[in-house]
Amino acid sequence: MSEFMPVDCHTNGGRLAEAGRCETGSKQNFITLYKILATGIALFEKFKASLACDCDICRDFCKRPGWWTVDQAKNAIKSGLAPRMMMEISPEFNFAVLSPAFYGCEGFIATQEGAQTGCNFQKDGLCELHNTEFLPLECAFCHHDRIGEGEICHKAIEDDWKTFRGQNLVRRWQKKVDFEQKLKFLEEGNKNV
């Protein structure tokens, strides 16, 4: 059985079942499923990719990894990019997001120190994800002509991650990259300091 199964009331961790809407074939079940699947499509319609640009402003955007939508991150994990992702935790500690990692934060948590190192997909000033299906929506959208609009895109992607399926994907990624073992190793190291 695949680790990443299609979303339905039985394979999304029981979210619909818990909500009392898991009657196979019910109209409510299909409407809810449609809303879940349409979220990613709606984000791409609302935040269309900008034209590629090599100006200083646009190059500065590339120093900090943009966010994937939940579906993009799911596809990136399927393609083997999980070890090159990091988990960013909200300041309120109430949700997490998966994004391309800073150098040194691959397969673990984003850190302030890591923020100084840049995106691990940047090689010789070029993005390995550019012109691929794995370019994060936020990276594709941001452009020097769209100053201030990036915050709107960022918030919409944040809302995508604040869902059950977003946080469930974070948990699955943690298992895939052996996150708990890395955390234990870090905790043990701190005890010896």
N, C-alpha and C. Protein backbone atom coordinates (compact mmCIF):
# COMPACT_ATOMS: atom_id res chain seq x y z
N MET A 1 0.85 -1.18 0.00
CA MET A 1 0.00 0.00 0.00
C MET A 1 0.89 1.23 0.00
N SER A 2 0.60 2.20 -0.85
CA SER A 2 1.36 3.43 -0.95
C SER A 2 1.21 4.28 0.30
N GLU A 3 2.31 4.95 0.68
CA GLU A 3 2.25 5.83 1.84
C GLU A 3 1.38 7.05 1.55
N PHE A 4 1.34 7.47 0.30
CA PHE A 4 0.57 8.64 -0.09
C PHE A 4 -0.63 8.19 -0.90
N MET A 5 -1.75 8.06 -0.23
CA MET A 5 -2.97 7.56 -0.87
C MET A 5 -3.88 8.72 -1.20
N PRO A 6 -4.79 8.55 -2.14
CA PRO A 6 -5.76 9.59 -2.43
C PRO A 6 -6.56 9.94 -1.19
N VAL A 7 -6.96 11.17 -1.11
CA VAL A 7 -7.72 11.63 0.05
C VAL A 7 -9.17 11.16 -0.05
N ASP A 8 -9.61 10.46 0.95
CA ASP A 8 -11.03 10.18 1.10
C ASP A 8 -11.28 9.97 2.58
N CYS A 9 -12.49 9.72 2.94
CA CYS A 9 -12.82 9.68 4.37
C CYS A 9 -12.12 8.54 5.10
N HIS A 10 -11.62 7.55 4.38
CA HIS A 10 -10.99 6.43 5.05
C HIS A 10 -9.48 6.52 5.07
N THR A 11 -8.87 7.33 4.21
CA THR A 11 -7.41 7.36 4.13
C THR A 11 -6.81 8.68 4.53
N ASN A 12 -7.56 9.63 5.01
CA ASN A 12 -6.97 10.90 5.44
C ASN A 12 -6.91 10.99 6.95
N GLY A 13 -6.68 9.89 7.58
CA GLY A 13 -6.59 9.89 9.03
C GLY A 13 -7.95 9.94 9.71
N GLY A 14 -9.01 9.71 8.95
CA GLY A 14 -10.33 9.68 9.54
C GLY A 14 -10.95 11.05 9.76
N ARG A 15 -10.41 12.08 9.13
CA ARG A 15 -10.93 13.43 9.36
C ARG A 15 -12.41 13.53 9.08
N LEU A 16 -12.86 12.97 7.98
CA LEU A 16 -14.28 13.04 7.67
C LEU A 16 -15.09 12.14 8.60
N ALA A 17 -14.49 11.00 8.94
CA ALA A 17 -15.20 10.10 9.85
C ALA A 17 -15.39 10.75 11.21
N GLU A 18 -14.33 11.44 11.69
CA GLU A 18 -14.43 12.12 12.98
C GLU A 18 -15.49 13.21 12.95
N ALA A 19 -15.67 13.82 11.79
CA ALA A 19 -16.65 14.89 11.67
C ALA A 19 -18.05 14.35 11.45
N GLY A 20 -18.18 13.01 11.41
CA GLY A 20 -19.49 12.41 11.24
C GLY A 20 -20.02 12.50 9.82
N ARG A 21 -19.11 12.65 8.85
CA ARG A 21 -19.54 12.82 7.47
C ARG A 21 -18.99 11.71 6.58
N CYS A 22 -18.72 10.58 7.15
CA CYS A 22 -18.08 9.52 6.38
C CYS A 22 -19.08 8.45 5.98
N GLU A 23 -20.06 8.84 5.25
CA GLU A 23 -21.00 7.88 4.71
C GLU A 23 -20.62 7.68 3.27
N THR A 24 -20.04 6.52 2.96
CA THR A 24 -19.54 6.26 1.62
C THR A 24 -20.60 6.62 0.59
N GLY A 25 -20.18 7.44 -0.36
CA GLY A 25 -21.08 7.84 -1.43
C GLY A 25 -21.97 9.02 -1.08
N SER A 26 -21.89 9.54 0.13
CA SER A 26 -22.77 10.64 0.50
C SER A 26 -22.39 11.91 -0.25
N LYS A 27 -23.37 12.75 -0.50
CA LYS A 27 -23.13 14.01 -1.20
C LYS A 27 -22.16 14.88 -0.40
N GLN A 28 -22.32 14.93 0.90
CA GLN A 28 -21.44 15.75 1.74
C GLN A 28 -19.99 15.27 1.63
N ASN A 29 -19.78 13.95 1.59
CA ASN A 29 -18.44 13.40 1.48
C ASN A 29 -17.79 13.87 0.19
N PHE A 30 -18.51 13.80 -0.92
CA PHE A 30 -17.93 14.21 -2.20
C PHE A 30 -17.70 15.71 -2.26
N ILE A 31 -18.57 16.50 -1.66
CA ILE A 31 -18.37 17.95 -1.63
C ILE A 31 -17.13 18.28 -0.82
N THR A 32 -16.97 17.65 0.33
CA THR A 32 -15.80 17.89 1.17
C THR A 32 -14.53 17.47 0.45
N LEU A 33 -14.54 16.30 -0.17
CA LEU A 33 -13.39 15.82 -0.92
C LEU A 33 -13.05 16.78 -2.04
N TYR A 34 -14.06 17.28 -2.75
CA TYR A 34 -13.81 18.23 -3.83
C TYR A 34 -13.15 19.50 -3.30
N LYS A 35 -13.63 20.00 -2.15
CA LYS A 35 -13.05 21.21 -1.57
C LYS A 35 -11.58 21.00 -1.21
N ILE A 36 -11.27 19.83 -0.66
CA ILE A 36 -9.89 19.52 -0.30
C ILE A 36 -9.02 19.52 -1.55
N LEU A 37 -9.44 18.83 -2.59
CA LEU A 37 -8.64 18.73 -3.80
C LEU A 37 -8.58 20.05 -4.56
N ALA A 38 -9.62 20.85 -4.50
CA ALA A 38 -9.66 22.11 -5.25
C ALA A 38 -8.82 23.20 -4.61
N THR A 39 -8.48 23.05 -3.35
CA THR A 39 -7.69 24.08 -2.67
C THR A 39 -6.41 24.36 -3.42
N GLY A 40 -5.66 23.32 -3.75
CA GLY A 40 -4.39 23.49 -4.46
C GLY A 40 -4.58 24.12 -5.82
N ILE A 41 -5.61 23.70 -6.54
CA ILE A 41 -5.89 24.26 -7.86
C ILE A 41 -6.23 25.74 -7.73
N ALA A 42 -7.04 26.07 -6.75
CA ALA A 42 -7.45 27.46 -6.55
C ALA A 42 -6.24 28.35 -6.25
N LEU A 43 -5.29 27.86 -5.47
CA LEU A 43 -4.09 28.65 -5.17
C LEU A 43 -3.30 28.95 -6.44
N PHE A 44 -3.17 27.98 -7.32
CA PHE A 44 -2.42 28.20 -8.56
C PHE A 44 -3.15 29.15 -9.50
N GLU A 45 -4.48 29.15 -9.43
CA GLU A 45 -5.26 30.09 -10.24
C GLU A 45 -5.14 31.51 -9.69
N LYS A 46 -5.17 31.63 -8.39
CA LYS A 46 -5.11 32.95 -7.76
C LYS A 46 -3.71 33.56 -7.82
N PHE A 47 -2.69 32.72 -7.68
CA PHE A 47 -1.31 33.20 -7.64
C PHE A 47 -0.53 32.62 -8.81
N LYS A 48 -0.77 33.18 -9.96
CA LYS A 48 -0.14 32.69 -11.19
C LYS A 48 1.36 33.01 -11.18
N ALA A 49 2.11 32.13 -11.80
CA ALA A 49 3.56 32.30 -11.88
C ALA A 49 3.91 33.60 -12.60
N SER A 50 4.94 34.25 -12.11
CA SER A 50 5.42 35.47 -12.75
C SER A 50 6.44 35.12 -13.83
N LEU A 51 6.81 36.09 -14.62
CA LEU A 51 7.86 35.89 -15.61
C LEU A 51 9.19 35.77 -14.88
N ALA A 52 10.07 34.96 -15.41
CA ALA A 52 11.39 34.81 -14.81
C ALA A 52 12.13 36.14 -14.90
N CYS A 53 12.91 36.44 -13.87
CA CYS A 53 13.63 37.71 -13.83
C CYS A 53 14.96 37.52 -13.11
N ASP A 54 15.97 38.22 -13.56
CA ASP A 54 17.31 38.10 -13.00
C ASP A 54 17.76 39.38 -12.30
N CYS A 55 16.80 40.25 -11.96
CA CYS A 55 17.17 41.51 -11.30
C CYS A 55 17.58 41.25 -9.85
N ASP A 56 18.21 42.24 -9.22
CA ASP A 56 18.69 42.08 -7.84
C ASP A 56 17.55 41.79 -6.87
N ILE A 57 16.39 42.44 -7.06
CA ILE A 57 15.25 42.22 -6.16
C ILE A 57 14.79 40.77 -6.25
N CYS A 58 14.59 40.28 -7.45
CA CYS A 58 14.11 38.90 -7.63
C CYS A 58 15.16 37.89 -7.16
N ARG A 59 16.44 38.16 -7.38
CA ARG A 59 17.49 37.27 -6.90
C ARG A 59 17.50 37.23 -5.37
N ASP A 60 17.20 38.37 -4.73
CA ASP A 60 17.14 38.41 -3.27
C ASP A 60 16.00 37.53 -2.74
N PHE A 61 14.89 37.48 -3.49
CA PHE A 61 13.78 36.61 -3.08
C PHE A 61 14.27 35.16 -2.97
N CYS A 62 15.20 34.78 -3.84
CA CYS A 62 15.66 33.39 -3.90
C CYS A 62 16.57 33.00 -2.74
N LYS A 63 17.03 33.95 -1.98
CA LYS A 63 17.91 33.62 -0.85
C LYS A 63 17.15 32.90 0.26
N ARG A 64 15.87 33.19 0.37
CA ARG A 64 15.04 32.53 1.37
C ARG A 64 14.04 31.64 0.66
N PRO A 65 14.03 30.33 0.96
CA PRO A 65 13.12 29.43 0.25
C PRO A 65 11.65 29.83 0.41
N GLY A 66 10.93 29.82 -0.69
CA GLY A 66 9.49 30.03 -0.64
C GLY A 66 8.80 28.74 -0.22
N TRP A 67 7.52 28.85 0.05
CA TRP A 67 6.76 27.69 0.51
C TRP A 67 6.06 26.99 -0.64
N TRP A 68 6.05 25.66 -0.52
CA TRP A 68 5.23 24.83 -1.38
C TRP A 68 3.80 24.83 -0.86
N THR A 69 2.84 24.53 -1.71
CA THR A 69 1.51 24.18 -1.24
C THR A 69 1.63 22.77 -0.66
N VAL A 70 0.63 22.32 0.05
CA VAL A 70 0.65 20.97 0.62
C VAL A 70 0.80 19.94 -0.51
N ASP A 71 0.05 20.12 -1.60
CA ASP A 71 0.13 19.15 -2.70
C ASP A 71 1.51 19.16 -3.35
N GLN A 72 2.11 20.33 -3.50
CA GLN A 72 3.45 20.39 -4.08
C GLN A 72 4.45 19.66 -3.20
N ALA A 73 4.38 19.88 -1.89
CA ALA A 73 5.30 19.22 -0.97
C ALA A 73 5.10 17.71 -1.01
N LYS A 74 3.86 17.29 -1.10
CA LYS A 74 3.55 15.86 -1.19
C LYS A 74 4.21 15.26 -2.43
N ASN A 75 4.11 15.95 -3.56
CA ASN A 75 4.73 15.46 -4.79
C ASN A 75 6.25 15.51 -4.72
N ALA A 76 6.80 16.52 -4.06
CA ALA A 76 8.25 16.61 -3.89
C ALA A 76 8.77 15.44 -3.04
N ILE A 77 8.02 15.08 -2.01
CA ILE A 77 8.39 13.94 -1.17
C ILE A 77 8.36 12.66 -2.00
N LYS A 78 7.30 12.49 -2.78
CA LYS A 78 7.18 11.30 -3.64
C LYS A 78 8.36 11.18 -4.59
N SER A 79 8.89 12.31 -5.04
CA SER A 79 9.98 12.29 -6.02
C SER A 79 11.36 12.15 -5.38
N GLY A 80 11.40 12.05 -4.05
CA GLY A 80 12.68 11.83 -3.39
C GLY A 80 13.33 13.08 -2.80
N LEU A 81 12.62 14.19 -2.74
CA LEU A 81 13.20 15.42 -2.23
C LEU A 81 13.06 15.60 -0.71
N ALA A 82 12.47 14.64 -0.02
CA ALA A 82 12.27 14.77 1.43
C ALA A 82 13.54 15.13 2.20
N PRO A 83 14.70 14.52 1.88
CA PRO A 83 15.91 14.86 2.64
C PRO A 83 16.38 16.31 2.44
N ARG A 84 15.89 16.98 1.41
CA ARG A 84 16.32 18.35 1.13
C ARG A 84 15.29 19.38 1.59
N MET A 85 14.31 18.91 2.36
CA MET A 85 13.28 19.79 2.92
C MET A 85 13.61 20.09 4.37
N MET A 86 12.97 21.13 4.89
CA MET A 86 13.04 21.44 6.32
C MET A 86 11.64 21.74 6.81
N MET A 87 11.49 21.69 8.11
CA MET A 87 10.22 22.01 8.74
C MET A 87 10.34 23.40 9.37
N GLU A 88 9.42 24.28 8.99
CA GLU A 88 9.35 25.60 9.61
C GLU A 88 8.17 25.58 10.56
N ILE A 89 8.40 26.04 11.79
CA ILE A 89 7.37 26.03 12.82
C ILE A 89 6.87 27.45 13.02
N SER A 90 5.56 27.61 13.11
CA SER A 90 4.98 28.95 13.30
C SER A 90 5.43 29.54 14.63
N PRO A 91 5.49 30.86 14.72
CA PRO A 91 5.89 31.50 15.98
C PRO A 91 5.00 31.11 17.16
N GLU A 92 3.74 30.78 16.87
CA GLU A 92 2.80 30.37 17.92
C GLU A 92 2.91 28.88 18.24
N PHE A 93 3.75 28.17 17.49
CA PHE A 93 3.94 26.72 17.65
C PHE A 93 2.65 25.94 17.43
N ASN A 94 1.75 26.44 16.58
CA ASN A 94 0.49 25.73 16.36
C ASN A 94 0.37 25.06 15.00
N PHE A 95 1.37 25.21 14.14
CA PHE A 95 1.41 24.48 12.88
C PHE A 95 2.82 24.54 12.31
N ALA A 96 3.09 23.66 11.36
CA ALA A 96 4.39 23.62 10.70
C ALA A 96 4.19 23.54 9.19
N VAL A 97 5.23 23.93 8.47
CA VAL A 97 5.23 23.95 7.01
C VAL A 97 6.49 23.26 6.53
N LEU A 98 6.40 22.55 5.41
CA LEU A 98 7.59 21.98 4.78
C LEU A 98 8.00 22.88 3.63
N SER A 99 9.29 23.15 3.57
CA SER A 99 9.81 24.00 2.49
C SER A 99 11.18 23.50 2.08
N PRO A 100 11.70 24.01 0.95
CA PRO A 100 13.10 23.71 0.63
C PRO A 100 13.97 24.16 1.81
N ALA A 101 14.97 23.37 2.13
CA ALA A 101 15.77 23.63 3.32
C ALA A 101 16.86 24.67 3.10
N PHE A 102 17.19 25.36 4.19
CA PHE A 102 18.41 26.15 4.22
C PHE A 102 19.57 25.14 4.24
N TYR A 103 20.72 25.54 3.74
CA TYR A 103 21.90 24.69 3.90
C TYR A 103 22.11 24.43 5.38
N GLY A 104 22.30 23.18 5.75
CA GLY A 104 22.51 22.81 7.14
C GLY A 104 21.24 22.45 7.89
N CYS A 105 20.09 22.69 7.30
CA CYS A 105 18.81 22.37 7.95
C CYS A 105 18.07 21.25 7.22
N GLU A 106 18.73 20.61 6.27
CA GLU A 106 18.10 19.56 5.48
C GLU A 106 17.59 18.44 6.37
N GLY A 107 16.33 18.06 6.19
CA GLY A 107 15.73 16.96 6.94
C GLY A 107 15.48 17.28 8.40
N PHE A 108 15.46 18.57 8.74
CA PHE A 108 15.27 18.92 10.14
C PHE A 108 14.50 20.24 10.25
N ILE A 109 14.78 21.01 11.28
CA ILE A 109 14.04 22.24 11.58
C ILE A 109 14.78 23.46 11.04
N ALA A 110 14.04 24.42 10.53
CA ALA A 110 14.62 25.69 10.11
C ALA A 110 15.17 26.41 11.34
N THR A 111 16.35 26.98 11.21
CA THR A 111 16.96 27.72 12.32
C THR A 111 17.33 29.13 11.86
N GLN A 112 17.53 30.02 12.82
CA GLN A 112 17.97 31.38 12.50
C GLN A 112 19.35 31.34 11.85
N GLU A 113 20.22 30.48 12.35
CA GLU A 113 21.55 30.35 11.76
C GLU A 113 21.46 29.88 10.31
N GLY A 114 20.56 28.93 10.07
CA GLY A 114 20.39 28.40 8.73
C GLY A 114 19.88 29.45 7.76
N ALA A 115 19.10 30.39 8.26
CA ALA A 115 18.53 31.44 7.39
C ALA A 115 19.64 32.24 6.70
N GLN A 116 20.82 32.26 7.30
CA GLN A 116 21.94 33.01 6.71
C GLN A 116 22.62 32.24 5.57
N THR A 117 22.33 30.95 5.47
CA THR A 117 23.04 30.11 4.50
C THR A 117 22.35 30.01 3.15
N GLY A 118 21.07 30.35 3.08
CA GLY A 118 20.33 30.31 1.82
C GLY A 118 19.73 28.95 1.51
N CYS A 119 19.00 28.91 0.43
CA CYS A 119 18.27 27.72 -0.01
C CYS A 119 19.23 26.68 -0.58
N ASN A 120 19.04 25.42 -0.17
CA ASN A 120 19.93 24.35 -0.63
C ASN A 120 19.70 23.96 -2.09
N PHE A 121 18.69 24.54 -2.72
CA PHE A 121 18.47 24.29 -4.15
C PHE A 121 19.15 25.35 -5.02
N GLN A 122 19.79 26.33 -4.40
CA GLN A 122 20.54 27.34 -5.14
C GLN A 122 21.96 26.83 -5.38
N LYS A 123 22.34 26.73 -6.63
CA LYS A 123 23.68 26.29 -7.02
C LYS A 123 24.24 27.29 -8.02
N ASP A 124 25.35 27.91 -7.66
CA ASP A 124 26.00 28.90 -8.53
C ASP A 124 25.02 29.98 -8.98
N GLY A 125 24.16 30.42 -8.06
CA GLY A 125 23.21 31.50 -8.35
C GLY A 125 21.99 31.07 -9.15
N LEU A 126 21.85 29.79 -9.39
CA LEU A 126 20.70 29.28 -10.15
C LEU A 126 19.90 28.31 -9.29
N CYS A 127 18.60 28.28 -9.52
CA CYS A 127 17.71 27.41 -8.77
C CYS A 127 17.52 26.08 -9.50
N GLU A 128 17.81 25.00 -8.79
CA GLU A 128 17.61 23.67 -9.37
C GLU A 128 16.14 23.35 -9.64
N LEU A 129 15.24 24.03 -8.93
CA LEU A 129 13.80 23.75 -9.07
C LEU A 129 13.14 24.60 -10.15
N HIS A 130 13.84 25.65 -10.61
CA HIS A 130 13.25 26.53 -11.62
C HIS A 130 12.91 25.72 -12.88
N ASN A 131 11.78 26.03 -13.46
CA ASN A 131 11.27 25.32 -14.66
C ASN A 131 10.98 23.85 -14.40
N THR A 132 10.70 23.50 -13.15
CA THR A 132 10.25 22.14 -12.84
C THR A 132 8.92 22.24 -12.10
N GLU A 133 8.25 21.13 -11.98
CA GLU A 133 6.98 21.10 -11.23
C GLU A 133 7.19 21.30 -9.73
N PHE A 134 8.45 21.27 -9.29
CA PHE A 134 8.74 21.37 -7.86
C PHE A 134 9.09 22.79 -7.40
N LEU A 135 9.03 23.76 -8.30
CA LEU A 135 9.27 25.14 -7.89
C LEU A 135 8.13 25.56 -6.96
N PRO A 136 8.44 25.95 -5.71
CA PRO A 136 7.36 26.32 -4.79
C PRO A 136 6.49 27.44 -5.35
N LEU A 137 5.20 27.35 -5.11
CA LEU A 137 4.26 28.36 -5.60
C LEU A 137 4.70 29.76 -5.18
N GLU A 138 5.13 29.90 -3.93
CA GLU A 138 5.54 31.22 -3.45
C GLU A 138 6.73 31.75 -4.25
N CYS A 139 7.67 30.89 -4.61
CA CYS A 139 8.82 31.30 -5.43
C CYS A 139 8.36 31.70 -6.83
N ALA A 140 7.47 30.91 -7.39
CA ALA A 140 6.99 31.20 -8.75
C ALA A 140 6.21 32.51 -8.81
N PHE A 141 5.48 32.83 -7.76
CA PHE A 141 4.62 34.00 -7.75
C PHE A 141 5.39 35.30 -7.51
N CYS A 142 6.33 35.29 -6.57
CA CYS A 142 7.02 36.53 -6.18
C CYS A 142 7.83 37.11 -7.33
N HIS A 143 7.80 38.44 -7.45
CA HIS A 143 8.45 39.15 -8.55
C HIS A 143 8.58 40.61 -8.15
N HIS A 144 9.56 41.31 -8.71
CA HIS A 144 9.76 42.72 -8.34
C HIS A 144 8.55 43.60 -8.68
N ASP A 145 7.75 43.18 -9.65
CA ASP A 145 6.54 43.94 -10.00
C ASP A 145 5.39 43.68 -9.02
N ARG A 146 5.57 42.72 -8.13
CA ARG A 146 4.48 42.32 -7.22
C ARG A 146 4.84 42.60 -5.76
N ILE A 147 5.57 43.65 -5.51
CA ILE A 147 5.97 43.98 -4.14
C ILE A 147 4.71 44.13 -3.28
N GLY A 148 4.72 43.45 -2.13
CA GLY A 148 3.58 43.48 -1.21
C GLY A 148 2.58 42.37 -1.46
N GLU A 149 2.48 41.89 -2.68
CA GLU A 149 1.53 40.82 -3.00
C GLU A 149 2.01 39.47 -2.49
N GLY A 150 3.32 39.35 -2.29
CA GLY A 150 3.88 38.09 -1.79
C GLY A 150 3.32 37.72 -0.43
N GLU A 151 3.03 38.74 0.39
CA GLU A 151 2.47 38.47 1.71
C GLU A 151 1.09 37.83 1.61
N ILE A 152 0.33 38.22 0.61
CA ILE A 152 -1.01 37.65 0.41
C ILE A 152 -0.88 36.18 -0.01
N CYS A 153 0.05 35.92 -0.92
CA CYS A 153 0.31 34.55 -1.36
C CYS A 153 0.79 33.71 -0.18
N HIS A 154 1.71 34.25 0.60
CA HIS A 154 2.26 33.54 1.75
C HIS A 154 1.15 33.14 2.73
N LYS A 155 0.25 34.06 3.00
CA LYS A 155 -0.87 33.81 3.93
C LYS A 155 -1.79 32.71 3.39
N ALA A 156 -2.04 32.73 2.08
CA ALA A 156 -2.91 31.70 1.49
C ALA A 156 -2.25 30.32 1.59
N ILE A 157 -0.95 30.26 1.37
CA ILE A 157 -0.24 28.98 1.49
C ILE A 157 -0.21 28.55 2.96
N GLU A 158 -0.03 29.50 3.86
CA GLU A 158 -0.09 29.20 5.30
C GLU A 158 -1.42 28.55 5.65
N ASP A 159 -2.52 29.10 5.14
CA ASP A 159 -3.84 28.54 5.41
C ASP A 159 -3.96 27.11 4.87
N ASP A 160 -3.30 26.83 3.74
CA ASP A 160 -3.29 25.48 3.18
C ASP A 160 -2.60 24.52 4.15
N TRP A 161 -1.53 24.98 4.78
CA TRP A 161 -0.79 24.14 5.73
C TRP A 161 -1.49 24.00 7.07
N LYS A 162 -2.35 24.92 7.42
CA LYS A 162 -3.05 24.87 8.71
C LYS A 162 -4.22 23.90 8.69
N THR A 163 -4.21 22.98 7.79
CA THR A 163 -5.27 21.99 7.65
C THR A 163 -4.81 20.65 8.22
N PHE A 164 -5.77 19.76 8.41
CA PHE A 164 -5.42 18.42 8.86
C PHE A 164 -4.46 17.76 7.88
N ARG A 165 -4.77 17.86 6.60
CA ARG A 165 -3.91 17.18 5.61
C ARG A 165 -2.53 17.79 5.56
N GLY A 166 -2.42 19.12 5.78
CA GLY A 166 -1.11 19.75 5.82
C GLY A 166 -0.27 19.24 6.97
N GLN A 167 -0.87 19.21 8.17
CA GLN A 167 -0.13 18.75 9.34
C GLN A 167 0.12 17.25 9.31
N ASN A 168 -0.77 16.51 8.68
CA ASN A 168 -0.57 15.07 8.50
C ASN A 168 0.63 14.82 7.59
N LEU A 169 0.78 15.63 6.54
CA LEU A 169 1.94 15.49 5.66
C LEU A 169 3.23 15.80 6.41
N VAL A 170 3.21 16.79 7.27
CA VAL A 170 4.39 17.10 8.08
C VAL A 170 4.77 15.88 8.92
N ARG A 171 3.79 15.24 9.55
CA ARG A 171 4.07 14.06 10.37
C ARG A 171 4.64 12.91 9.52
N ARG A 172 4.12 12.73 8.33
CA ARG A 172 4.63 11.67 7.45
C ARG A 172 6.06 11.98 7.01
N TRP A 173 6.33 13.25 6.74
CA TRP A 173 7.70 13.65 6.37
C TRP A 173 8.65 13.39 7.54
N GLN A 174 8.22 13.71 8.75
CA GLN A 174 9.06 13.48 9.93
C GLN A 174 9.47 12.02 10.03
N LYS A 175 8.54 11.11 9.77
CA LYS A 175 8.87 9.69 9.80
C LYS A 175 9.84 9.33 8.69
N LYS A 176 9.63 9.88 7.52
CA LYS A 176 10.46 9.56 6.36
C LYS A 176 11.91 9.99 6.56
N VAL A 177 12.13 11.13 7.20
CA VAL A 177 13.50 11.63 7.39
C VAL A 177 14.07 11.27 8.77
N ASP A 178 13.37 10.43 9.52
CA ASP A 178 13.81 9.99 10.84
C ASP A 178 14.01 11.18 11.78
N PHE A 179 13.05 12.07 11.74
CA PHE A 179 13.08 13.32 12.51
C PHE A 179 13.22 13.07 14.01
N GLU A 180 12.45 12.13 14.54
CA GLU A 180 12.47 11.86 15.98
C GLU A 180 13.87 11.45 16.44
N GLN A 181 14.55 10.63 15.65
CA GLN A 181 15.89 10.19 16.01
C GLN A 181 16.85 11.38 16.02
N LYS A 182 16.73 12.28 15.06
CA LYS A 182 17.58 13.47 15.02
C LYS A 182 17.31 14.36 16.22
N LEU A 183 16.05 14.47 16.60
CA LEU A 183 15.68 15.28 17.76
C LEU A 183 16.26 14.68 19.05
N LYS A 184 16.19 13.36 19.18
CA LYS A 184 16.75 12.69 20.35
C LYS A 184 18.26 12.90 20.42
N PHE A 185 18.92 12.80 19.28
CA PHE A 185 20.36 13.00 19.21
C PHE A 185 20.72 14.41 19.66
N LEU A 186 19.95 15.39 19.20
CA LEU A 186 20.16 16.79 19.58
C LEU A 186 19.95 16.98 21.08
N GLU A 187 18.88 16.38 21.61
CA GLU A 187 18.59 16.49 23.05
C GLU A 187 19.69 15.86 23.88
N GLU A 188 20.19 14.71 23.44
CA GLU A 188 21.28 14.04 24.17
C GLU A 188 22.53 14.90 24.15
N GLY A 189 22.81 15.53 23.03
CA GLY A 189 23.98 16.39 22.93
C GLY A 189 23.88 17.59 23.86
N ASN A 190 22.68 18.13 24.02
CA ASN A 190 22.48 19.28 24.89
C ASN A 190 22.62 18.90 26.37
N LYS A 191 22.32 17.64 26.71
CA LYS A 191 22.47 17.19 28.10
C LYS A 191 23.94 17.13 28.50
N ASN A 192 24.79 16.87 27.51
CA ASN A 192 26.22 16.71 27.78
C ASN A 192 26.99 18.03 27.73
N VAL A 193 26.32 19.11 27.46
CA VAL A 193 27.00 20.41 27.35
C VAL A 193 27.08 21.11 28.68
